[in-house]
Amino acid sequence: MTSHPGGGDDDGSAAEPEPLVCARCGTRAEGPRPTWTFSVEDGARRHYCEACSRDNLRAIEGRLDSQWW
């Protein structure tokens, strides 16, 4: 085990990433999804599945918040 500069021990294991959930339709994805869209709206991180991204491409490219789509 190694110690962190701020204290505590690190067993070397990485935390498992949380599954992605589409902010629009609720679709869940295990693991990375390169076809999904990532957005930051009002400081909140949001992911959108491929289907929702395609359906709203013009609004996304126009940088409209998801409340407008």
N, C-alpha and C. Protein backbone atom coordinates (compact mmCIF):
# COMPACT_ATOMS: atom_id res chain seq x y z
N MET A 1 0.83 -1.20 0.00
CA MET A 1 0.00 0.00 0.00
C MET A 1 0.87 1.24 0.00
N THR A 2 0.33 2.29 -0.61
CA THR A 2 1.03 3.57 -0.62
C THR A 2 0.19 4.61 0.08
N SER A 3 0.85 5.63 0.57
CA SER A 3 0.11 6.70 1.24
C SER A 3 -0.08 7.87 0.31
N HIS A 4 -1.23 8.51 0.41
CA HIS A 4 -1.51 9.75 -0.31
C HIS A 4 -0.85 10.90 0.42
N PRO A 5 -0.47 11.96 -0.29
CA PRO A 5 0.11 13.12 0.39
C PRO A 5 -0.79 13.67 1.48
N GLY A 6 -2.09 13.58 1.32
CA GLY A 6 -3.02 14.12 2.31
C GLY A 6 -3.39 13.12 3.38
N GLY A 7 -2.75 11.94 3.38
CA GLY A 7 -3.06 10.92 4.36
C GLY A 7 -3.92 9.84 3.75
N GLY A 8 -4.08 8.74 4.45
CA GLY A 8 -4.89 7.64 3.95
C GLY A 8 -4.06 6.68 3.13
N ASP A 9 -4.60 5.52 2.88
CA ASP A 9 -3.90 4.49 2.13
C ASP A 9 -4.57 4.25 0.81
N ASP A 10 -3.78 3.83 -0.17
CA ASP A 10 -4.28 3.53 -1.51
C ASP A 10 -3.91 2.09 -1.81
N ASP A 11 -4.90 1.25 -2.03
CA ASP A 11 -4.61 -0.16 -2.31
C ASP A 11 -4.30 -0.40 -3.78
N GLY A 12 -4.28 0.65 -4.59
CA GLY A 12 -3.93 0.52 -6.00
C GLY A 12 -5.10 0.17 -6.89
N SER A 13 -6.26 -0.11 -6.33
CA SER A 13 -7.41 -0.45 -7.17
C SER A 13 -8.12 0.82 -7.64
N ALA A 14 -8.54 0.80 -8.87
CA ALA A 14 -9.25 1.96 -9.42
C ALA A 14 -10.74 1.81 -9.12
N ALA A 15 -11.38 2.92 -8.83
CA ALA A 15 -12.82 2.89 -8.61
C ALA A 15 -13.52 2.58 -9.92
N GLU A 16 -14.55 1.77 -9.86
CA GLU A 16 -15.28 1.43 -11.08
C GLU A 16 -16.09 2.64 -11.53
N PRO A 17 -16.02 2.97 -12.83
CA PRO A 17 -16.80 4.11 -13.32
C PRO A 17 -18.29 3.81 -13.26
N GLU A 18 -19.06 4.84 -12.98
CA GLU A 18 -20.51 4.67 -12.96
C GLU A 18 -21.00 4.55 -14.39
N PRO A 19 -22.04 3.74 -14.62
CA PRO A 19 -22.56 3.61 -15.99
C PRO A 19 -23.15 4.93 -16.47
N LEU A 20 -23.00 5.19 -17.76
CA LEU A 20 -23.57 6.40 -18.34
C LEU A 20 -25.09 6.23 -18.42
N VAL A 21 -25.80 7.31 -18.16
CA VAL A 21 -27.26 7.32 -18.27
C VAL A 21 -27.63 8.54 -19.11
N CYS A 22 -28.42 8.32 -20.16
CA CYS A 22 -28.84 9.42 -21.02
C CYS A 22 -29.73 10.37 -20.22
N ALA A 23 -29.39 11.64 -20.24
CA ALA A 23 -30.14 12.66 -19.50
C ALA A 23 -31.52 12.91 -20.12
N ARG A 24 -31.72 12.46 -21.34
CA ARG A 24 -33.00 12.70 -22.01
C ARG A 24 -33.94 11.50 -21.90
N CYS A 25 -33.48 10.30 -22.27
CA CYS A 25 -34.38 9.13 -22.32
C CYS A 25 -34.11 8.09 -21.24
N GLY A 26 -32.98 8.21 -20.52
CA GLY A 26 -32.68 7.28 -19.44
C GLY A 26 -31.98 6.00 -19.86
N THR A 27 -31.61 5.87 -21.13
CA THR A 27 -30.88 4.70 -21.58
C THR A 27 -29.59 4.58 -20.78
N ARG A 28 -29.25 3.34 -20.35
CA ARG A 28 -28.03 3.11 -19.59
C ARG A 28 -26.99 2.43 -20.48
N ALA A 29 -25.74 2.79 -20.31
CA ALA A 29 -24.65 2.19 -21.08
C ALA A 29 -23.54 1.78 -20.14
N GLU A 30 -23.10 0.55 -20.25
CA GLU A 30 -21.97 0.09 -19.47
C GLU A 30 -20.71 0.32 -20.30
N GLY A 31 -19.74 0.99 -19.75
CA GLY A 31 -18.48 1.23 -20.46
C GLY A 31 -18.55 2.45 -21.34
N PRO A 32 -17.43 2.77 -21.96
CA PRO A 32 -17.36 3.97 -22.81
C PRO A 32 -18.23 3.86 -24.06
N ARG A 33 -18.81 4.96 -24.44
CA ARG A 33 -19.65 5.03 -25.63
C ARG A 33 -19.21 6.23 -26.45
N PRO A 34 -18.35 6.02 -27.45
CA PRO A 34 -17.83 7.16 -28.23
C PRO A 34 -18.87 7.87 -29.06
N THR A 35 -20.04 7.26 -29.28
CA THR A 35 -21.08 7.91 -30.08
C THR A 35 -22.03 8.75 -29.24
N TRP A 36 -21.86 8.76 -27.94
CA TRP A 36 -22.69 9.57 -27.06
C TRP A 36 -22.17 11.00 -27.05
N THR A 37 -23.04 11.95 -26.68
CA THR A 37 -22.69 13.36 -26.60
C THR A 37 -22.58 13.75 -25.13
N PHE A 38 -21.59 14.58 -24.83
CA PHE A 38 -21.37 15.08 -23.47
C PHE A 38 -21.62 16.58 -23.48
N SER A 39 -22.32 17.08 -22.45
CA SER A 39 -22.64 18.49 -22.37
C SER A 39 -22.54 18.95 -20.92
N VAL A 40 -22.22 20.21 -20.72
CA VAL A 40 -22.27 20.82 -19.39
C VAL A 40 -23.30 21.94 -19.47
N GLU A 41 -24.37 21.80 -18.71
CA GLU A 41 -25.44 22.80 -18.70
C GLU A 41 -25.66 23.27 -17.27
N ASP A 42 -25.54 24.55 -17.05
CA ASP A 42 -25.67 25.14 -15.71
C ASP A 42 -24.76 24.44 -14.71
N GLY A 43 -23.57 24.06 -15.16
CA GLY A 43 -22.60 23.41 -14.29
C GLY A 43 -22.82 21.92 -14.09
N ALA A 44 -23.88 21.37 -14.64
CA ALA A 44 -24.17 19.94 -14.50
C ALA A 44 -23.69 19.18 -15.73
N ARG A 45 -23.03 18.04 -15.50
CA ARG A 45 -22.56 17.19 -16.60
C ARG A 45 -23.71 16.32 -17.08
N ARG A 46 -23.93 16.28 -18.38
CA ARG A 46 -25.01 15.48 -18.95
C ARG A 46 -24.49 14.68 -20.13
N HIS A 47 -24.98 13.46 -20.24
CA HIS A 47 -24.63 12.59 -21.37
C HIS A 47 -25.92 12.29 -22.12
N TYR A 48 -25.81 12.20 -23.45
CA TYR A 48 -26.96 11.88 -24.28
C TYR A 48 -26.60 10.71 -25.18
N CYS A 49 -27.49 9.73 -25.26
CA CYS A 49 -27.26 8.54 -26.07
C CYS A 49 -27.21 8.90 -27.56
N GLU A 50 -26.79 7.94 -28.35
CA GLU A 50 -26.66 8.18 -29.79
C GLU A 50 -27.99 8.58 -30.42
N ALA A 51 -29.08 7.93 -30.03
CA ALA A 51 -30.39 8.24 -30.62
C ALA A 51 -30.83 9.67 -30.29
N CYS A 52 -30.72 10.06 -29.02
CA CYS A 52 -31.11 11.42 -28.63
C CYS A 52 -30.19 12.45 -29.25
N SER A 53 -28.90 12.12 -29.36
CA SER A 53 -27.94 13.04 -29.98
C SER A 53 -28.30 13.27 -31.44
N ARG A 54 -28.62 12.19 -32.16
CA ARG A 54 -28.98 12.32 -33.58
C ARG A 54 -30.28 13.09 -33.76
N ASP A 55 -31.27 12.79 -32.91
CA ASP A 55 -32.56 13.46 -33.03
C ASP A 55 -32.48 14.96 -32.78
N ASN A 56 -31.48 15.40 -32.01
CA ASN A 56 -31.39 16.80 -31.61
C ASN A 56 -30.08 17.45 -32.04
N LEU A 57 -29.49 16.95 -33.11
CA LEU A 57 -28.18 17.41 -33.56
C LEU A 57 -28.14 18.92 -33.82
N ARG A 58 -29.12 19.47 -34.49
CA ARG A 58 -29.10 20.91 -34.78
C ARG A 58 -29.13 21.75 -33.51
N ALA A 59 -29.95 21.35 -32.54
CA ALA A 59 -30.01 22.10 -31.28
C ALA A 59 -28.70 21.97 -30.51
N ILE A 60 -28.09 20.79 -30.55
CA ILE A 60 -26.82 20.58 -29.86
C ILE A 60 -25.74 21.44 -30.50
N GLU A 61 -25.65 21.41 -31.82
CA GLU A 61 -24.65 22.22 -32.52
C GLU A 61 -24.89 23.71 -32.32
N GLY A 62 -26.15 24.11 -32.16
CA GLY A 62 -26.49 25.51 -31.90
C GLY A 62 -26.29 25.90 -30.45
N ARG A 63 -25.82 24.94 -29.65
CA ARG A 63 -25.55 25.14 -28.22
C ARG A 63 -26.80 25.54 -27.44
N LEU A 64 -27.95 25.05 -27.85
CA LEU A 64 -29.17 25.29 -27.09
C LEU A 64 -29.21 24.32 -25.91
N ASP A 65 -29.58 24.80 -24.72
CA ASP A 65 -29.73 23.90 -23.58
C ASP A 65 -30.81 22.87 -23.88
N SER A 66 -30.70 21.72 -23.28
CA SER A 66 -31.63 20.61 -23.56
C SER A 66 -33.08 20.98 -23.26
N GLN A 67 -33.32 21.96 -22.40
CA GLN A 67 -34.72 22.37 -22.13
C GLN A 67 -35.40 22.91 -23.39
N TRP A 68 -34.61 23.36 -24.37
CA TRP A 68 -35.17 23.91 -25.61
C TRP A 68 -35.48 22.84 -26.63
N TRP A 69 -34.92 21.62 -26.49
CA TRP A 69 -35.23 20.62 -27.46
C TRP A 69 -36.47 19.91 -27.05
